[in-house]
Amino acid sequence: MKKLMFLSFLVLTLSIVSGCGREKILTCTKSEDSVGMTMNQNIITTFKGNKLTKINMSIDVIVDDQYKSQIETIESSLKSQFSNYENQKGITFKTSSKDKTVNLNIIADLKNIDSKTKEKLEMAEAGEKYKNVKADFENDGYKCK
């Protein structure tokens, strides 16, 4: 009985120490300035163990006062660029605008998206490793932590 308890304790301890099942978050940001506007991108990726399971992407476009009257057109344009993410199983897609800011938010739960949809949307596969995802974002000019 003592051996069984010791082995159970040992397995539990190793699981905790090795981080099995723990969530790890990678946050990557990128900011770009253009004539009359700034685009801030924030991507939060969630890993279970060392495998990618969720992506939360937020884009804020902030316009100068001179373009404030065109905010609805800018929102429509941004929504159109990402329209293929709408009405997809496992993906939440939302745009909004207020004052001089347009926001686009896409949340993808990779465990609930089939392979065909991931391929069509050129999304990372569920299970992709932390270091690979981080390297890809950094190669695209994001700062990650």
Protein backbone atom coordinates (compact mmCIF):
# COMPACT_ATOMS: atom_id res chain seq x y z
CA MET A 1 0.00 0.00 0.00
CA LYS A 2 2.83 2.40 0.87
CA LYS A 3 4.50 1.63 -2.47
CA LEU A 4 1.30 2.42 -4.35
CA MET A 5 0.86 5.72 -2.49
CA PHE A 6 4.52 6.62 -3.10
CA LEU A 7 4.22 5.84 -6.84
CA SER A 8 1.00 7.87 -7.10
CA PHE A 9 2.67 10.77 -5.32
CA LEU A 10 5.72 10.49 -7.60
CA VAL A 11 3.60 10.52 -10.79
CA LEU A 12 1.58 13.51 -9.54
CA THR A 13 4.74 15.40 -8.60
CA LEU A 14 6.38 14.73 -11.97
CA SER A 15 3.24 15.88 -13.78
CA ILE A 16 3.19 19.15 -11.85
CA VAL A 17 6.92 19.81 -12.21
CA SER A 18 7.01 19.01 -15.93
CA GLY A 19 4.08 21.34 -16.64
CA CYS A 20 1.85 18.71 -18.20
CA GLY A 21 -1.52 20.19 -18.99
CA ARG A 22 -0.55 23.72 -17.99
CA GLU A 23 -1.59 26.64 -20.14
CA LYS A 24 1.04 28.94 -21.55
CA ILE A 25 0.22 32.31 -23.11
CA LEU A 26 2.20 34.04 -25.86
CA THR A 27 1.35 37.69 -26.54
CA CYS A 28 2.62 39.32 -29.72
CA THR A 29 2.13 42.96 -30.74
CA LYS A 30 2.81 45.04 -33.81
CA SER A 31 2.10 48.68 -34.59
CA GLU A 32 2.16 50.29 -38.02
CA ASP A 33 1.70 53.93 -38.96
CA SER A 34 0.27 55.01 -42.27
CA VAL A 35 -0.94 58.34 -43.61
CA GLY A 36 -3.59 59.51 -41.15
CA MET A 37 -3.89 56.29 -39.18
CA THR A 38 -2.19 53.84 -36.84
CA MET A 39 -2.89 50.11 -36.79
CA ASN A 40 -2.18 48.22 -33.56
CA GLN A 41 -2.29 44.44 -33.69
CA ASN A 42 -2.38 42.23 -30.61
CA ILE A 43 -2.34 38.45 -30.89
CA ILE A 44 -2.70 36.25 -27.84
CA THR A 45 -2.06 32.57 -28.40
CA THR A 46 -2.86 29.91 -25.83
CA PHE A 47 -0.93 26.66 -25.55
CA LYS A 48 -1.91 23.64 -23.52
CA GLY A 49 1.29 21.87 -22.63
CA ASN A 50 3.35 22.96 -25.62
CA LYS A 51 0.56 22.77 -28.22
CA LEU A 52 -1.34 25.70 -29.74
CA THR A 53 -5.05 25.56 -28.87
CA LYS A 54 -6.45 29.09 -29.24
CA ILE A 55 -5.76 32.36 -31.07
CA ASN A 56 -7.22 35.72 -30.08
CA MET A 57 -6.40 38.48 -32.58
CA SER A 58 -7.38 42.10 -32.08
CA ILE A 59 -6.71 44.90 -34.54
CA ASP A 60 -7.34 48.54 -33.64
CA VAL A 61 -7.20 51.15 -36.37
CA ILE A 62 -6.98 54.68 -34.96
CA VAL A 63 -7.53 57.50 -37.43
CA ASP A 64 -6.58 61.16 -37.31
CA ASP A 65 -9.33 63.74 -36.92
CA GLN A 66 -9.37 64.42 -40.67
CA TYR A 67 -10.53 60.82 -41.34
CA LYS A 68 -13.03 60.57 -38.48
CA SER A 69 -15.97 61.02 -40.86
CA GLN A 70 -14.82 57.92 -42.80
CA ILE A 71 -14.77 55.60 -39.79
CA GLU A 72 -17.73 53.51 -41.05
CA THR A 73 -16.05 53.02 -44.43
CA ILE A 74 -12.83 51.96 -42.71
CA GLU A 75 -14.75 49.49 -40.52
CA SER A 76 -16.53 48.07 -43.58
CA SER A 77 -13.22 47.70 -45.42
CA LEU A 78 -11.55 45.92 -42.48
CA LYS A 79 -14.55 43.63 -42.06
CA SER A 80 -14.44 42.81 -45.77
CA GLN A 81 -10.74 41.89 -45.61
CA PHE A 82 -11.46 39.29 -42.93
CA SER A 83 -14.97 38.25 -44.02
CA ASN A 84 -13.88 34.66 -44.71
CA TYR A 85 -13.62 34.19 -40.90
CA GLU A 86 -17.33 34.95 -40.42
CA ASN A 87 -19.76 32.11 -39.80
CA GLN A 88 -17.04 29.49 -39.32
CA LYS A 89 -17.39 26.84 -36.63
CA GLY A 90 -14.98 27.51 -33.76
CA ILE A 91 -14.40 31.16 -34.75
CA THR A 92 -15.87 34.28 -33.17
CA PHE A 93 -15.66 37.34 -35.45
CA LYS A 94 -16.63 40.88 -34.45
CA THR A 95 -16.03 44.44 -35.65
CA SER A 96 -16.97 47.70 -33.97
CA SER A 97 -16.18 51.38 -34.20
CA LYS A 98 -16.27 54.30 -31.81
CA ASP A 99 -15.06 57.86 -32.30
CA LYS A 100 -11.77 57.51 -34.19
CA THR A 101 -11.15 53.79 -33.59
CA VAL A 102 -12.18 50.68 -35.49
CA ASN A 103 -11.73 47.32 -33.77
CA LEU A 104 -11.69 43.86 -35.29
CA ASN A 105 -11.55 40.81 -33.03
CA ILE A 106 -11.20 37.20 -34.10
CA ILE A 107 -11.06 34.34 -31.63
CA ALA A 108 -10.27 30.89 -33.00
CA ASP A 109 -10.57 27.75 -30.87
CA LEU A 110 -8.38 25.45 -32.96
CA LYS A 111 -9.73 22.29 -31.34
CA ASN A 112 -13.17 23.06 -32.81
CA ILE A 113 -12.12 23.93 -36.37
CA ASP A 114 -11.80 21.19 -38.98
CA SER A 115 -8.63 20.79 -41.05
CA LYS A 116 -10.30 21.87 -44.30
CA THR A 117 -11.37 25.21 -42.76
CA LYS A 118 -7.90 25.75 -41.24
CA GLU A 119 -6.33 25.17 -44.63
CA LYS A 120 -8.80 27.50 -46.36
CA LEU A 121 -8.11 30.25 -43.81
CA GLU A 122 -4.35 29.54 -43.75
CA MET A 123 -4.47 29.03 -39.99
CA ALA A 124 -1.98 27.26 -37.80
CA GLU A 125 -2.76 23.68 -36.93
CA ALA A 126 -3.86 22.83 -33.42
CA GLY A 127 -0.86 21.36 -31.72
CA GLU A 128 1.70 23.62 -33.35
CA LYS A 129 4.58 24.19 -30.92
CA TYR A 130 5.18 27.37 -28.89
CA LYS A 131 8.69 28.10 -30.22
CA ASN A 132 7.57 27.71 -33.87
CA VAL A 133 4.58 30.02 -33.45
CA LYS A 134 6.73 32.62 -31.67
CA ALA A 135 9.39 32.46 -34.41
CA ASP A 136 6.74 32.89 -37.14
CA PHE A 137 5.28 35.98 -35.47
CA GLU A 138 8.70 37.51 -34.84
CA ASN A 139 9.65 36.90 -38.49
CA ASP A 140 6.51 38.88 -39.44
CA GLY A 141 7.69 41.85 -37.35
CA TYR A 142 5.77 41.21 -34.12
CA LYS A 143 7.30 41.68 -30.69
CA CYS A 144 6.46 38.70 -28.50
CA LYS A 145 6.61 38.02 -24.80
